[in-house]
Each structure stands twice: as C-alpha cells, then as structure tokens.
C-alpha cells in the first residue's frame, strides 16, 4: 500500500488529490494537509471584491467532501520537511501543526511514500511597508476574506461619492517591485470601473493603474504578439486600447515600496522616487516561499536541497544572462532532484528564471514581474504530477511517463472586464507557449501567432461565468467531473 500526502488544497493540491483518488485503488491512501478548512475558487474573488458574489459563491468545506470521496484530511500547516526520516522514524515525513480549533497548536509527524508540495505562495504583504490588507485605505482580493473586506471599503467610498459629490482617486495594480499576478489586478480595475458606472459616480473618480510591468499587457510573461480579429497586435496595444476606452490612466515600470494613509510611494525605472495619492487602493502583494526548513536523518539542515525560495524541481537553475535562457530550462516533471518521491506543481515550484525581461532602475532596484504559475498551469501540472505518481505506484518504482513544460504548454485566460448578464465584458486571451520560445518562433515574439489570440466582448463574460460554475462543479467532484479539462 502506498501513502500519498498532498500539502495544500488550492487549485494544484485539490486537483492532484482528486485525480489520485479517482484513479488509484482504495488500498492506497491519499491524504491532504491544508491549514484552511475550505476550498476557494480564487479567480472569482474579483467579483466578491465588487459585491457581485459572496464568499458562499466561491467556497465550500473540504471535510465532508473528502470524507465522502475517501480522501484523508488534516487541517494543519506543514512546519518542517524530513525526506529521510529521523532517528526515531525510518519513513520520510513532514512535521505538521494543526490549525483546526480542536487540535490547534498540536504537532504531528505525517509519514509518506510520495509527497506533493502544493503549498502555493506566501502572500508577502510584509515585504511592502504599510501594506497589510485593510490598512492605509489599501485592500487585497487574494482571498475571499480580503475580497469581502475590499468590497466593504469600496462600497463606503461609493456611498460617500453619491452623497457628497466630491471627487476621489482609486489606485489598483501591484504593490511590490517584483510582484506577480497582474491578471487579478487587471480584472479588478476593469470591474471596479464598470461598477462606478453602474452606481452613477464614474465621472467623480480618477482611476489609475500602477504596475511593475515595463509595458501594459506584460502579465509576467513578457507580453505577446497576438491575433485580434483580422489584425496582429501587441498585447500592450490591446490593453492600452481598453484603458483609453475606460478613461483609466496608467503608470508602468513602478515598484511600490511603501504605503501610508492614502499615499503610495514608488520608484520608477528612471530612478525617480514618486508618490500617488488615493482614496481606495487594491494592490497585489509579492509572492514568496513559506520559509520551510528541511533536515536529513541526523538532523542536519538540508533546506537548500529542497528549496530555493520555492521548491527545487527538475529545472536548470544555472545562473546565465537573460539572452541565454531557453524554454529547456523549465521543468517537465516537477520532481525534486534530490528526493525523487517529492513533487511540487503550480506556484510551489521554484522557476528557473523570470519570463519577463529583468530590468533595474537607475538606482539598481529590480523592477519587473515575477513569473506566474497560477490558474491553468497550476491545474495542468498538478494532474501531470498525479499521473506520474499513479504510474509509479502501479509499477512499484518511480516512473515519469508524463511530461509537460510551460515552454510547450499553452494557456487560456478569460479576464473579466465587467460583470453583467447583458452589459458584462470579458477579454479572452490564449497564448502558446506560456514561456516564449524565441528560437522556434523568432518573428512572432516567441509564440505561435495561430494559437495566440485575443477577443473582447459580452461572450467573454458569459464564458468566464460559465467557467466559475464548471470549475466549482469539478472541484466538488460531481458526476463525471474529470471530463472538465484543467
């Protein structure tokens, strides 16, 4: 009998556990360890943040689902990794600390035959001074709690505008020089703008986008050249078109370093230190690893064998100039090279390098997006890891028949640009590959122009809304859930 432990119950962890349980014999154990008792469909938090959905629309409890499906569950957080066991325990294990009310603070050793680290990122608000959610008039939509709080703050501002008629400023974007996940902020700013129109106060608000991107539409993947109707355009041109149409001002190449009450301090690529005032802000924080420690059998520190901020996998981490980076540097199996029974899909794996070109300000400050691994790539890599573990269990030894690099993987993104059954808008973008291959596609920005395209319209909103319900159906493991692609 094999025991597979999955750390984390987000998109990657829950996807992996679901496929493992469906495909493996019940004699094998699948155990999920997560500090959160709920599953949340994070992409819809932007709608919670404008009051169009509530947390009940985006979350459900994990315990009854896992009990029904035969998946073990511990509401706990991982503390340390012990891939060789220790002097008392011969099996590899992770030490966890319970976060559930009945066992809060208690620690336990959880042994495994295979381990999937799907812990995702730490939301590193502390890396930007004054950026704790809900302070200094700044909010977040990274969790359902944050998103509900953001809507409370936005609603207060809207009510004030309706009663006073005074002008206000809204600032939305990234809150750290190396933040990622621009997509969530991009969706939120367009949804907020749409809601201001709906409430009749749009003409009273100056809306500004602030980002560490060199140009709009970078999204941490170096932008893209895409087909739009019968034209070919840069993603930056498409985003500028959208922002101009909405009357949204933008600041790019900006690294936010500090927030005060209604004021953001930032440095730009020209080395200038500037400020931007606001009455309401939503800024995406930096993502970081959780700072896990790892120990060998004798208790020696082997953290660097497992972690490089995030978990080390089968990538080429050799330091080289940007011009020498290739798609071959990216992992294919998400397996740790030192301990072949440990895997890290989704955001949990350490990328070999950035995707967007690294840039420094004239003062030497890094200001550029970190590489994203959210959404579709998280689900795809989680299923790939699950399938390789299933193959390994069935063969009785490590087997890796399934491979998938972000350098040969495509992604589809439906960005909400405003909620409404008849007035909503969605921006649909498909890119292939995610990591640009400049050798294979030298004349089209490293991507296949026939598979990289965009569109804008009401249909995109309906697709986004349909995906919300489809992926929650899938996450709840309803009949034939596996037919819905990752």
Protein backbone atom coordinates (compact mmCIF):
# COMPACT_ATOMS: atom_id res chain seq x y z
CA UNK A 1 0.00 0.00 0.00
CA UNK A 2 1.26 3.46 -0.91
CA UNK A 3 0.57 6.63 1.03
CA UNK A 4 0.49 9.89 -0.92
CA UNK A 5 0.44 13.11 1.09
CA UNK A 6 -0.64 16.34 -0.57
CA UNK A 7 0.31 19.60 1.11
CA UNK A 8 -2.23 22.29 0.25
CA UNK A 9 -5.81 22.22 -1.01
CA UNK A 10 -5.77 25.00 -3.56
CA UNK A 11 -6.04 24.52 -7.30
CA UNK A 12 -2.89 22.36 -7.50
CA UNK A 13 -3.31 20.34 -4.32
CA UNK A 14 -7.04 19.69 -4.69
CA UNK A 15 -6.65 18.79 -8.37
CA UNK A 16 -3.86 16.32 -7.61
CA UNK A 17 -5.75 14.71 -4.73
CA UNK A 18 -8.93 14.38 -6.81
CA UNK A 19 -7.18 12.59 -9.68
CA UNK A 20 -5.16 10.39 -7.33
CA UNK A 21 -8.27 9.23 -5.50
CA UNK A 22 -10.23 8.61 -8.70
CA UNK A 23 -7.51 6.54 -10.38
CA UNK A 24 -5.82 4.68 -7.52
CA UNK A 25 -7.15 1.60 -5.80
CA UNK A 26 -8.73 2.28 -2.41
CA UNK A 27 -5.96 0.21 -0.79
CA UNK A 28 -3.70 3.21 -1.36
CA UNK A 29 -4.06 6.22 0.94
CA UNK A 30 -4.46 9.79 -0.26
CA UNK A 31 -4.12 12.39 2.50
CA UNK A 32 -4.47 16.16 2.14
CA UNK A 33 -2.92 18.52 4.69
CA UNK A 34 -4.10 22.12 4.50
CA UNK A 35 -4.36 24.93 7.06
CA UNK A 36 -7.66 26.09 5.50
CA UNK A 37 -10.84 24.09 6.05
CA UNK A 38 -12.38 25.42 2.82
CA UNK A 39 -11.68 25.17 -0.88
CA UNK A 40 -11.90 28.53 -2.62
CA UNK A 41 -12.19 29.28 -6.32
CA UNK A 42 -9.75 32.19 -6.29
CA UNK A 43 -10.38 33.53 -9.84
CA UNK A 44 -13.86 34.71 -8.76
CA UNK A 45 -12.58 36.74 -5.80
CA UNK A 46 -12.55 39.79 -8.07
CA UNK A 47 -16.36 39.53 -8.22
CA UNK A 48 -16.55 39.18 -4.43
CA UNK A 49 -14.46 42.36 -4.29
CA UNK A 50 -17.17 44.33 -6.14
CA UNK A 51 -20.11 42.83 -4.27
CA UNK A 52 -21.40 40.77 -7.21
CA UNK A 53 -20.66 37.49 -5.40
CA UNK A 54 -20.19 36.50 -1.77
CA UNK A 55 -17.83 34.01 -0.20
CA UNK A 56 -20.65 31.44 -0.28
CA UNK A 57 -20.48 31.59 -4.07
CA UNK A 58 -16.78 30.77 -4.19
CA UNK A 59 -16.02 28.37 -1.31
CA UNK A 60 -17.15 25.06 0.15
CA UNK A 61 -15.97 22.96 3.13
CA UNK A 62 -13.42 20.27 2.41
CA UNK A 63 -14.04 17.81 5.27
CA UNK A 64 -17.43 16.43 4.14
CA UNK A 65 -16.29 16.16 0.51
CA UNK A 66 -13.06 14.36 1.36
CA UNK A 67 -14.85 12.05 3.79
CA UNK A 68 -17.37 11.14 1.10
CA UNK A 69 -14.69 10.52 -1.52
CA UNK A 70 -12.29 8.57 0.69
CA UNK A 71 -9.58 11.24 0.91
CA UNK A 72 -7.95 11.78 4.28
CA UNK A 73 -7.76 15.36 5.57
CA UNK A 74 -5.84 17.13 8.30
CA UNK A 75 -6.45 20.82 8.88
CA UNK A 76 -2.86 21.69 9.61
CA UNK A 77 0.14 23.54 8.23
CA UNK A 78 3.46 21.94 7.38
CA UNK A 79 6.30 23.04 9.65
CA UNK A 80 9.38 21.08 8.55
CA UNK A 81 10.39 18.51 5.92
CA UNK A 82 12.23 15.28 6.78
CA UNK A 83 12.70 13.39 3.47
CA UNK A 84 14.96 10.77 5.08
CA UNK A 85 13.03 10.35 8.31
CA UNK A 86 14.95 10.76 11.57
CA UNK A 87 16.49 8.63 14.30
CA UNK A 88 13.01 7.76 15.60
CA UNK A 89 11.09 7.41 12.33
CA UNK A 90 12.55 5.49 9.37
CA UNK A 91 9.89 6.66 6.93
CA UNK A 92 10.16 10.10 5.30
CA UNK A 93 7.77 12.52 6.93
CA UNK A 94 6.67 16.10 7.29
CA UNK A 95 6.04 17.65 10.67
CA UNK A 96 2.71 19.47 10.73
CA UNK A 97 0.98 21.76 13.20
CA UNK A 98 -2.80 21.64 13.48
CA UNK A 99 -4.79 24.80 12.77
CA UNK A 100 -8.21 23.24 13.46
CA UNK A 101 -9.89 24.56 16.64
CA UNK A 102 -9.96 21.13 18.35
CA UNK A 103 -6.22 20.48 17.97
CA UNK A 104 -4.80 23.96 17.38
CA UNK A 105 -1.05 24.12 18.02
CA UNK A 106 -0.53 20.35 18.34
CA UNK A 107 2.23 18.89 16.17
CA UNK A 108 2.45 15.51 14.49
CA UNK A 109 4.72 13.57 12.14
CA UNK A 110 2.96 12.61 8.90
CA UNK A 111 4.77 9.87 7.00
CA UNK A 112 4.51 9.32 3.26
CA UNK A 113 5.67 7.26 0.31
CA UNK A 114 5.08 10.14 -2.12
CA UNK A 115 4.78 13.81 -1.28
CA UNK A 116 3.19 16.59 -3.33
CA UNK A 117 4.11 20.06 -2.14
CA UNK A 118 1.24 22.26 -3.36
CA UNK A 119 1.52 24.88 -0.66
CA UNK A 120 1.47 27.73 -3.18
CA UNK A 121 2.85 31.14 -2.22
CA UNK A 122 3.05 33.14 0.94
CA UNK A 123 1.18 36.40 0.39
CA UNK A 124 4.11 38.59 1.40
CA UNK A 125 2.33 41.80 2.35
CA UNK A 126 5.13 42.40 4.86
CA UNK A 127 7.60 42.95 2.00
CA UNK A 128 5.95 46.33 1.35
CA UNK A 129 5.77 48.65 4.33
CA UNK A 130 2.24 49.59 5.35
CA UNK A 131 0.52 47.13 3.01
CA UNK A 132 -1.43 44.92 5.43
CA UNK A 133 -4.89 44.39 3.87
CA UNK A 134 -7.45 46.87 5.10
CA UNK A 135 -4.92 49.41 6.38
CA UNK A 136 -3.95 52.76 4.87
CA UNK A 137 -7.08 52.60 2.63
CA UNK A 138 -5.49 49.69 0.71
CA UNK A 139 -7.08 46.30 0.17
CA UNK A 140 -6.50 42.90 -1.44
CA UNK A 141 -8.59 40.32 -3.34
CA UNK A 142 -6.16 37.42 -2.85
CA UNK A 143 -8.51 35.53 -0.50
CA UNK A 144 -12.27 35.58 -0.03
CA UNK A 145 -11.83 37.35 3.32
CA UNK A 146 -9.70 40.02 1.67
CA UNK A 147 -12.15 40.38 -1.21
CA UNK A 148 -15.16 40.83 1.09
CA UNK A 149 -13.23 43.46 3.01
CA UNK A 150 -12.31 45.20 -0.25
CA UNK A 151 -15.98 45.41 -1.23
CA UNK A 152 -16.80 46.92 2.16
CA UNK A 153 -14.19 49.62 1.59
CA UNK A 154 -15.25 50.25 -1.99
CA UNK A 155 -18.94 50.44 -1.01
CA UNK A 156 -18.15 53.04 1.66
CA UNK A 157 -16.37 55.15 -0.96
CA UNK A 158 -19.22 54.79 -3.47
CA UNK A 159 -21.82 55.81 -0.85
CA UNK A 160 -19.68 58.81 0.09
CA UNK A 161 -19.40 59.86 -3.55
CA UNK A 162 -23.17 59.57 -4.05
CA UNK A 163 -23.91 61.70 -1.01
CA UNK A 164 -21.17 64.32 -1.27
CA UNK A 165 -20.46 64.65 -4.98
CA UNK A 166 -16.77 65.13 -4.16
CA UNK A 167 -14.02 63.71 -6.36
CA UNK A 168 -11.95 60.66 -5.41
CA UNK A 169 -8.93 58.67 -6.58
CA UNK A 170 -8.65 54.91 -6.96
CA UNK A 171 -5.32 53.11 -7.40
CA UNK A 172 -5.13 49.46 -8.47
CA UNK A 173 -2.19 47.28 -9.55
CA UNK A 174 0.89 45.67 -8.00
CA UNK A 175 2.27 46.59 -4.61
CA UNK A 176 5.89 45.43 -4.86
CA UNK A 177 8.72 45.89 -7.41
CA UNK A 178 8.71 42.13 -8.17
CA UNK A 179 5.05 41.24 -7.63
CA UNK A 180 3.31 38.85 -9.98
CA UNK A 181 -0.35 38.05 -10.74
CA UNK A 182 -1.06 41.27 -12.64
CA UNK A 183 -4.04 39.48 -14.15
CA UNK A 184 -6.11 39.65 -10.95
CA UNK A 185 -5.43 43.37 -10.56
CA UNK A 186 -6.20 43.93 -14.26
CA UNK A 187 -9.58 42.23 -13.90
CA UNK A 188 -10.34 44.11 -10.70
CA UNK A 189 -9.63 47.57 -12.07
CA UNK A 190 -11.94 46.98 -15.04
CA UNK A 191 -14.68 45.59 -12.80
CA UNK A 192 -14.39 48.50 -10.39
CA UNK A 193 -14.63 50.94 -13.28
CA UNK A 194 -17.77 49.18 -14.51
CA UNK A 195 -19.35 49.30 -11.05
CA UNK A 196 -18.66 53.01 -10.72
CA UNK A 197 -20.57 53.48 -13.96
CA UNK A 198 -23.43 51.35 -12.65
CA UNK A 199 -23.66 53.38 -9.44
CA UNK A 200 -23.56 56.65 -11.37
CA UNK A 201 -20.34 58.01 -9.87
CA UNK A 202 -17.77 57.22 -12.57
CA UNK A 203 -17.37 60.89 -13.53
CA UNK A 204 -16.27 61.67 -9.96
CA UNK A 205 -13.37 59.21 -9.86
CA UNK A 206 -9.86 59.28 -11.28
CA UNK A 207 -8.72 55.68 -11.76
CA UNK A 208 -5.03 54.83 -12.05
CA UNK A 209 -3.27 51.56 -12.82
CA UNK A 210 0.19 51.12 -11.28
CA UNK A 211 2.38 48.16 -12.17
CA UNK A 212 5.94 46.88 -12.23
CA UNK A 213 5.39 45.83 -15.86
CA UNK A 214 7.59 47.58 -18.41
CA UNK A 215 4.51 47.90 -20.62
CA UNK A 216 0.82 47.16 -20.26
CA UNK A 217 -0.14 43.59 -21.06
CA UNK A 218 3.16 42.10 -19.90
CA UNK A 219 1.38 39.96 -17.27
CA UNK A 220 4.72 38.49 -16.17
CA UNK A 221 5.11 36.56 -19.44
CA UNK A 222 6.91 39.29 -21.44
CA UNK A 223 3.69 40.31 -23.19
CA UNK A 224 2.76 38.75 -26.50
CA UNK A 225 2.07 39.32 -30.14
CA UNK A 226 -1.48 38.14 -30.79
CA UNK A 227 -4.18 37.88 -33.40
CA UNK A 228 -7.11 40.23 -32.77
CA UNK A 229 -9.80 39.87 -35.40
CA UNK A 230 -8.08 40.29 -38.74
CA UNK A 231 -5.18 42.19 -37.20
CA UNK A 232 -1.99 41.30 -35.39
CA UNK A 233 -1.17 43.49 -32.42
CA UNK A 234 0.91 43.59 -29.28
CA UNK A 235 -0.85 42.80 -26.02
CA UNK A 236 0.33 46.23 -24.83
CA UNK A 237 -1.60 47.88 -27.67
CA UNK A 238 -4.70 45.88 -26.80
CA UNK A 239 -4.52 46.81 -23.12
CA UNK A 240 -3.87 50.47 -23.91
CA UNK A 241 -6.94 50.43 -26.12
CA UNK A 242 -9.02 49.05 -23.26
CA UNK A 243 -7.68 51.54 -20.73
CA UNK A 244 -8.14 54.51 -23.04
CA UNK A 245 -11.71 53.44 -23.74
CA UNK A 246 -12.39 53.32 -19.99
CA UNK A 247 -10.53 56.55 -19.19
CA UNK A 248 -8.00 54.76 -16.98
CA UNK A 249 -4.58 56.31 -16.52
CA UNK A 250 -1.58 54.02 -16.16
CA UNK A 251 1.86 54.04 -14.54
CA UNK A 252 4.21 51.24 -15.58
CA UNK A 253 7.76 50.34 -14.56
CA UNK A 254 6.82 51.25 -11.00
CA UNK A 255 7.93 49.43 -7.85
CA UNK A 256 5.75 50.32 -4.86
CA UNK A 257 7.89 50.39 -1.72
CA UNK A 258 5.67 51.90 0.99
CA UNK A 259 2.06 52.77 1.74
CA UNK A 260 0.85 55.49 4.05
CA UNK A 261 -2.74 56.55 4.67
CA UNK A 262 -3.96 57.24 1.15
CA UNK A 263 -0.49 57.53 -0.37
CA UNK A 264 1.70 55.06 -2.28
CA UNK A 265 5.46 55.61 -2.54
CA UNK A 266 7.15 54.07 -5.57
CA UNK A 267 10.36 54.08 -7.55
CA UNK A 268 10.33 54.02 -11.36
CA UNK A 269 12.86 52.69 -13.84
CA UNK A 270 14.29 56.18 -14.30
CA UNK A 271 15.29 56.06 -10.65
CA UNK A 272 12.76 58.68 -9.61
CA UNK A 273 11.00 58.41 -6.26
CA UNK A 274 7.37 59.43 -6.56
CA UNK A 275 4.05 59.22 -4.74
CA UNK A 276 0.50 58.57 -5.82
CA UNK A 277 -2.48 59.55 -3.66
CA UNK A 278 -5.67 57.53 -3.40
CA UNK A 279 -8.93 57.18 -1.51
CA UNK A 280 -9.14 53.46 -2.23
CA UNK A 281 -6.44 51.06 -3.44
CA UNK A 282 -6.16 47.38 -4.26
CA UNK A 283 -2.57 46.25 -4.71
CA UNK A 284 -1.35 42.69 -5.30
CA UNK A 285 1.48 41.76 -2.89
CA UNK A 286 4.71 39.97 -3.62
CA UNK A 287 4.55 36.17 -3.57
CA UNK A 288 7.29 34.36 -1.67
CA UNK A 289 8.10 30.89 -0.44
CA UNK A 290 6.93 29.94 3.04
CA UNK A 291 10.43 29.71 4.50
CA UNK A 292 10.22 25.97 5.16
CA UNK A 293 13.21 24.16 6.66
CA UNK A 294 14.33 20.63 5.77
CA UNK A 295 16.50 18.17 7.74
CA UNK A 296 18.30 14.91 6.98
CA UNK A 297 18.12 11.75 9.10
CA UNK A 298 20.75 13.02 11.54
CA UNK A 299 19.05 16.39 11.91
CA UNK A 300 21.38 18.31 9.61
CA UNK A 301 19.96 21.26 7.69
CA UNK A 302 19.36 20.32 4.03
CA UNK A 303 16.97 23.14 3.20
CA UNK A 304 18.97 24.12 0.10
CA UNK A 305 18.42 20.65 -1.37
CA UNK A 306 14.68 21.16 -1.32
CA UNK A 307 14.14 24.90 -1.51
CA UNK A 308 15.28 27.90 -3.44
CA UNK A 309 12.62 30.18 -2.01
CA UNK A 310 10.07 27.82 -3.56
CA UNK A 311 10.75 24.08 -4.02
CA UNK A 312 13.60 22.95 -6.26
CA UNK A 313 12.45 20.74 -9.15
CA UNK A 314 13.84 19.40 -12.44
CA UNK A 315 14.69 22.84 -13.85
CA UNK A 316 18.05 24.27 -14.90
CA UNK A 317 18.87 26.87 -12.26
CA UNK A 318 22.33 27.67 -13.66
CA UNK A 319 22.82 31.47 -13.50
CA UNK A 320 23.11 32.86 -17.02
CA UNK A 321 22.43 36.13 -18.83
CA UNK A 322 18.84 36.69 -19.95
CA UNK A 323 19.79 36.19 -23.59
CA UNK A 324 20.94 32.64 -22.83
CA UNK A 325 17.76 31.49 -21.07
CA UNK A 326 15.70 28.98 -23.04
CA UNK A 327 12.46 27.07 -22.70
CA UNK A 328 14.55 23.96 -22.00
CA UNK A 329 15.42 25.47 -18.61
CA UNK A 330 11.85 24.91 -17.41
CA UNK A 331 10.80 21.76 -15.52
CA UNK A 332 8.89 18.90 -17.14
CA UNK A 333 8.05 16.58 -14.24
CA UNK A 334 8.17 18.92 -11.19
CA UNK A 335 10.18 16.30 -9.31
CA UNK A 336 12.79 17.23 -6.73
CA UNK A 337 16.21 16.03 -8.00
CA UNK A 338 17.47 15.02 -4.55
CA UNK A 339 14.38 13.14 -3.42
CA UNK A 340 12.53 11.57 -6.37
CA UNK A 341 9.35 10.86 -4.37
CA UNK A 342 8.75 14.59 -3.79
CA UNK A 343 7.00 16.81 -6.34
CA UNK A 344 5.95 20.47 -6.49
CA UNK A 345 3.38 21.57 -9.10
CA UNK A 346 1.86 25.03 -9.59
CA UNK A 347 3.15 28.03 -7.70
CA UNK A 348 5.06 25.80 -5.26
CA UNK A 349 7.95 25.10 -7.65
CA UNK A 350 10.88 27.47 -7.98
CA UNK A 351 11.03 28.88 -11.52
CA UNK A 352 14.49 28.75 -13.13
CA UNK A 353 14.30 32.42 -14.11
CA UNK A 354 11.83 35.16 -14.93
CA UNK A 355 9.82 35.16 -18.13
CA UNK A 356 9.65 38.92 -18.50
CA UNK A 357 12.95 40.63 -19.20
CA UNK A 358 14.66 41.61 -15.92
CA UNK A 359 15.00 45.37 -15.53
CA UNK A 360 16.68 47.55 -12.94
CA UNK A 361 16.04 51.16 -12.10
CA UNK A 362 18.88 53.63 -12.42
CA UNK A 363 19.34 53.09 -8.67
CA UNK A 364 19.84 49.35 -9.17
CA UNK A 365 16.41 48.25 -7.92
CA UNK A 366 14.87 45.23 -9.65
CA UNK A 367 11.50 46.30 -11.09
CA UNK A 368 9.83 43.60 -13.15
CA UNK A 369 7.16 40.89 -12.67
CA UNK A 370 8.00 37.52 -11.23
CA UNK A 371 6.82 34.58 -13.36
CA UNK A 372 3.20 33.49 -12.83
CA UNK A 373 2.23 29.82 -12.41
CA UNK A 374 -1.38 30.37 -11.38
CA UNK A 375 -4.67 29.14 -12.83
CA UNK A 376 -4.50 26.79 -15.78
CA UNK A 377 -0.77 25.91 -15.41
CA UNK A 378 -1.38 25.02 -11.75
CA UNK A 379 -4.13 22.57 -12.66
CA UNK A 380 -2.25 21.03 -15.60
CA UNK A 381 0.99 20.48 -13.66
CA UNK A 382 -0.94 19.04 -10.70
CA UNK A 383 -2.67 16.46 -12.89
CA UNK A 384 0.66 15.63 -14.54
CA UNK A 385 2.29 15.02 -11.15
CA UNK A 386 -0.68 12.92 -10.00
CA UNK A 387 -0.50 10.78 -13.15
CA UNK A 388 3.23 10.18 -12.68
CA UNK A 389 2.70 9.12 -9.06
CA UNK A 390 -0.10 6.79 -10.18
CA UNK A 391 2.27 5.27 -12.75
CA UNK A 392 4.97 4.92 -10.09
CA UNK A 393 2.62 3.21 -7.63
CA UNK A 394 1.36 0.82 -10.30
CA UNK A 395 4.91 -0.02 -11.48
CA UNK A 396 6.29 -0.36 -7.97
CA UNK A 397 9.07 2.14 -8.72
CA UNK A 398 9.47 5.76 -9.85
CA UNK A 399 8.04 6.20 -13.34
CA UNK A 400 7.69 9.51 -15.16
CA UNK A 401 5.84 8.85 -18.43
CA UNK A 402 4.07 12.22 -18.35
CA UNK A 403 5.94 15.44 -19.09
CA UNK A 404 4.77 18.99 -19.59
CA UNK A 405 6.84 22.16 -19.59
CA UNK A 406 5.47 25.69 -19.54
CA UNK A 407 7.74 26.09 -22.56
CA UNK A 408 5.50 23.80 -24.61
CA UNK A 409 2.24 24.39 -22.77
CA UNK A 410 -0.49 26.80 -23.78
CA UNK A 411 -2.90 28.68 -21.54
CA UNK A 412 -6.28 30.31 -21.98
CA UNK A 413 -7.29 33.25 -19.82
CA UNK A 414 -10.73 34.81 -19.69
CA UNK A 415 -10.33 38.15 -17.92
CA UNK A 416 -13.49 39.70 -16.59
CA UNK A 417 -13.80 43.33 -17.64
CA UNK A 418 -17.16 44.00 -16.02
CA UNK A 419 -19.99 41.93 -14.54
CA UNK A 420 -23.47 41.82 -16.07
CA UNK A 421 -25.67 39.39 -17.96
CA UNK A 422 -26.28 41.89 -20.76
CA UNK A 423 -23.70 44.58 -20.04
CA UNK A 424 -20.76 42.46 -18.92
CA UNK A 425 -17.49 42.19 -20.81
CA UNK A 426 -14.71 39.65 -20.97
CA UNK A 427 -11.26 39.79 -22.53
CA UNK A 428 -10.27 36.38 -23.86
CA UNK A 429 -6.57 35.70 -24.40
CA UNK A 430 -4.99 32.42 -25.42
CA UNK A 431 -1.21 32.08 -25.57
CA UNK A 432 1.09 29.31 -26.77
CA UNK A 433 3.56 28.62 -25.33
CA UNK A 434 3.41 30.31 -21.91
CA UNK A 435 7.19 30.67 -21.78
CA UNK A 436 8.14 32.25 -25.13
CA UNK A 437 10.31 30.15 -27.42
CA UNK A 438 12.33 32.72 -29.35
CA UNK A 439 14.21 30.06 -31.32
CA UNK A 440 11.09 28.30 -32.58
CA UNK A 441 9.04 31.46 -33.16
CA UNK A 442 11.65 34.19 -33.74
CA UNK A 443 9.46 36.52 -35.80
CA UNK A 444 6.36 36.48 -33.58
CA UNK A 445 7.73 37.22 -30.14
CA UNK A 446 8.44 33.62 -29.18
CA UNK A 447 4.87 32.40 -29.66
CA UNK A 448 2.74 30.70 -32.28
CA UNK A 449 0.62 33.53 -33.67
CA UNK A 450 -2.02 31.00 -34.82
CA UNK A 451 -2.53 29.84 -31.23
CA UNK A 452 -2.07 33.21 -29.53
CA UNK A 453 -5.08 35.46 -29.94
CA UNK A 454 -7.43 37.80 -28.14
CA UNK A 455 -11.03 39.00 -28.24
CA UNK A 456 -13.24 41.39 -26.29
CA UNK A 457 -16.99 41.25 -25.74
CA UNK A 458 -20.05 40.05 -23.84
CA UNK A 459 -19.37 36.45 -24.87
CA UNK A 460 -16.17 36.54 -22.81
CA UNK A 461 -18.16 37.44 -19.69
CA UNK A 462 -20.51 34.52 -20.23
CA UNK A 463 -17.56 32.16 -20.73
CA UNK A 464 -15.94 33.45 -17.52
CA UNK A 465 -19.20 32.99 -15.59
CA UNK A 466 -19.72 29.52 -17.06
CA UNK A 467 -16.19 28.54 -16.04
CA UNK A 468 -16.92 29.71 -12.49
CA UNK A 469 -19.72 27.17 -12.15
CA UNK A 470 -17.96 24.48 -14.19
CA UNK A 471 -14.80 24.54 -12.09
CA UNK A 472 -16.72 24.57 -8.81
CA UNK A 473 -18.65 21.55 -10.12
CA UNK A 474 -15.32 19.93 -10.94
CA UNK A 475 -13.81 20.82 -7.56
CA UNK A 476 -16.82 19.30 -5.77
CA UNK A 477 -16.11 16.08 -7.70
CA UNK A 478 -19.63 15.83 -9.03
CA UNK A 479 -20.52 13.09 -11.57
CA UNK A 480 -18.07 12.97 -14.49
CA UNK A 481 -16.13 15.93 -13.10
CA UNK A 482 -12.92 14.65 -14.71
CA UNK A 483 -14.31 15.37 -18.19
CA UNK A 484 -13.88 19.09 -17.50
CA UNK A 485 -10.30 19.97 -18.54
CA UNK A 486 -7.88 21.62 -16.14
